[in-house]
Each structure stands twice: as C-alpha cells, then as structure tokens.
Amino acid sequence: MTEEQTLIAFENAPIRRHFDEATETWYFSIVDVIAVLSESVNPRDYWFRMKVRVKSEDGLELSTICRQLKM
C-alpha cells in the first residue's frame, strides 16, 4: 500500500483515503468519516438513511446511483 492509500487516524479511528495524482484530489471513505463523526454502530445504515432523508426533505441526491466501490 502506498502512502497515498494508507489509513489516516482521526480521534484514533482509521479513515481510508486515496489520492488521485491526475486531478490532485483526495478521496475519503464516507462510511469511515460517518463512523467517526456519528459514533454510529452501523455507519453504512446511517449513511443510507441520511441519503433517503435528505432526498425526501430537500430533493437532493447526496451520492450517485452506483454500487459500493472498493478502496
């Protein structure tokens, strides 16, 4: 695993990340970030419910319609 793909720690919790050199952009695992910020037992379920809630309330999409990507 390269340095760009290593885990970073936020409050002692690992967060997966990837750096795209072509666009010079960092990508972080939203599920890992949600796990740290919400302290949820099931961060995937939390993310799913939050997307549904925002779409029903505001009509906004928080993510594209695609399968989960491996990091």
C-alpha atoms as a PDB file:
ATOM      1  CA  MET A   1       0.000   0.000   0.000  1.00  0.00           C
ATOM      2  CA  THR A   2       1.448   3.384  -0.963  1.00  0.00           C
ATOM      3  CA  GLU A   3       1.477   6.450   1.238  1.00  0.00           C
ATOM      4  CA  GLU A   4      -1.432   7.888  -0.758  1.00  0.00           C
ATOM      5  CA  GLN A   5      -3.569   4.832   0.053  1.00  0.00           C
ATOM      6  CA  THR A   6      -2.684   4.474   3.711  1.00  0.00           C
ATOM      7  CA  LEU A   7      -5.077   4.953   6.568  1.00  0.00           C
ATOM      8  CA  ILE A   8      -5.162   8.181   8.474  1.00  0.00           C
ATOM      9  CA  ALA A   9      -6.305   8.396  12.051  1.00  0.00           C
ATOM     10  CA  PHE A  10      -8.943  10.795  13.309  1.00  0.00           C
ATOM     11  CA  GLU A  11      -9.587  10.510  17.024  1.00  0.00           C
ATOM     12  CA  ASN A  12      -7.933   7.066  16.964  1.00  0.00           C
ATOM     13  CA  ALA A  13     -10.282   5.766  14.252  1.00  0.00           C
ATOM     14  CA  PRO A  14      -8.904   4.762  10.829  1.00  0.00           C
ATOM     15  CA  ILE A  15     -10.218   6.548   7.732  1.00  0.00           C
ATOM     16  CA  ARG A  16      -9.421   5.098   4.308  1.00  0.00           C
ATOM     17  CA  ARG A  17      -8.212   7.551   1.663  1.00  0.00           C
ATOM     18  CA  HIS A  18      -6.852   7.714  -1.866  1.00  0.00           C
ATOM     19  CA  PHE A  19      -5.026  10.468  -3.743  1.00  0.00           C
ATOM     20  CA  ASP A  20      -5.653  10.816  -7.494  1.00  0.00           C
ATOM     21  CA  GLU A  21      -2.476  12.292  -8.925  1.00  0.00           C
ATOM     22  CA  ALA A  22      -4.085  13.175 -12.268  1.00  0.00           C
ATOM     23  CA  THR A  23      -6.627  15.515 -10.675  1.00  0.00           C
ATOM     24  CA  GLU A  24      -4.660  16.167  -7.469  1.00  0.00           C
ATOM     25  CA  THR A  25      -7.744  15.245  -5.440  1.00  0.00           C
ATOM     26  CA  TRP A  26      -8.099  13.355  -2.161  1.00  0.00           C
ATOM     27  CA  TYR A  27     -10.945  10.848  -1.779  1.00  0.00           C
ATOM     28  CA  PHE A  28     -12.054   9.682   1.658  1.00  0.00           C
ATOM     29  CA  SER A  29     -14.334   6.830   2.648  1.00  0.00           C
ATOM     30  CA  ILE A  30     -17.618   8.475   3.642  1.00  0.00           C
ATOM     31  CA  VAL A  31     -18.585   5.455   5.730  1.00  0.00           C
ATOM     32  CA  ASP A  32     -15.373   5.774   7.751  1.00  0.00           C
ATOM     33  CA  VAL A  33     -15.949   9.514   8.262  1.00  0.00           C
ATOM     34  CA  ILE A  34     -19.561   8.919   9.336  1.00  0.00           C
ATOM     35  CA  ALA A  35     -18.423   6.233  11.766  1.00  0.00           C
ATOM     36  CA  VAL A  36     -16.119   8.736  13.469  1.00  0.00           C
ATOM     37  CA  LEU A  37     -18.468  11.725  13.464  1.00  0.00           C
ATOM     38  CA  SER A  38     -21.710   9.976  14.406  1.00  0.00           C
ATOM     39  CA  GLU A  39     -20.266   7.205  16.579  1.00  0.00           C
ATOM     40  CA  SER A  40     -22.882   5.007  14.910  1.00  0.00           C
ATOM     41  CA  VAL A  41     -22.844   1.256  15.495  1.00  0.00           C
ATOM     42  CA  ASN A  42     -23.692   0.723  11.807  1.00  0.00           C
ATOM     43  CA  PRO A  43     -22.294   3.630   9.733  1.00  0.00           C
ATOM     44  CA  ARG A  44     -23.409   2.106   6.401  1.00  0.00           C
ATOM     45  CA  ASP A  45     -27.015   2.059   7.600  1.00  0.00           C
ATOM     46  CA  TYR A  46     -26.635   5.608   8.970  1.00  0.00           C
ATOM     47  CA  TRP A  47     -25.358   6.827   5.568  1.00  0.00           C
ATOM     48  CA  PHE A  48     -28.197   5.055   3.724  1.00  0.00           C
ATOM     49  CA  ARG A  49     -30.876   6.551   6.000  1.00  0.00           C
ATOM     50  CA  MET A  50     -29.322  10.026   5.774  1.00  0.00           C
ATOM     51  CA  LYS A  51     -29.373   9.878   1.946  1.00  0.00           C
ATOM     52  CA  VAL A  52     -33.044   8.844   1.978  1.00  0.00           C
ATOM     53  CA  ARG A  53     -33.963  11.559   4.500  1.00  0.00           C
ATOM     54  CA  VAL A  54     -32.200  14.353   2.593  1.00  0.00           C
ATOM     55  CA  LYS A  55     -33.716  13.257  -0.710  1.00  0.00           C
ATOM     56  CA  SER A  56     -37.244  13.208   0.733  1.00  0.00           C
ATOM     57  CA  GLU A  57     -36.871  16.540   2.559  1.00  0.00           C
ATOM     58  CA  ASP A  58     -34.832  18.606   0.093  1.00  0.00           C
ATOM     59  CA  GLY A  59     -34.979  16.599  -3.124  1.00  0.00           C
ATOM     60  CA  LEU A  60     -31.161  16.466  -3.223  1.00  0.00           C
ATOM     61  CA  GLU A  61     -29.013  13.437  -4.046  1.00  0.00           C
ATOM     62  CA  LEU A  62     -26.030  13.000  -1.712  1.00  0.00           C
ATOM     63  CA  SER A  63     -24.405  10.433  -3.960  1.00  0.00           C
ATOM     64  CA  THR A  64     -24.658   8.974  -7.410  1.00  0.00           C
ATOM     65  CA  ILE A  65     -26.570   5.786  -8.062  1.00  0.00           C
ATOM     66  CA  CYS A  66     -23.777   3.226  -8.162  1.00  0.00           C
ATOM     67  CA  ARG A  67     -22.544   0.160  -6.347  1.00  0.00           C
ATOM     68  CA  GLN A  68     -20.143   0.443  -3.469  1.00  0.00           C
ATOM     69  CA  LEU A  69     -16.583   0.940  -4.684  1.00  0.00           C
ATOM     70  CA  LYS A  70     -13.646  -0.893  -3.154  1.00  0.00           C
ATOM     71  CA  MET A  71     -10.885   1.240  -1.687  1.00  0.00           C
END
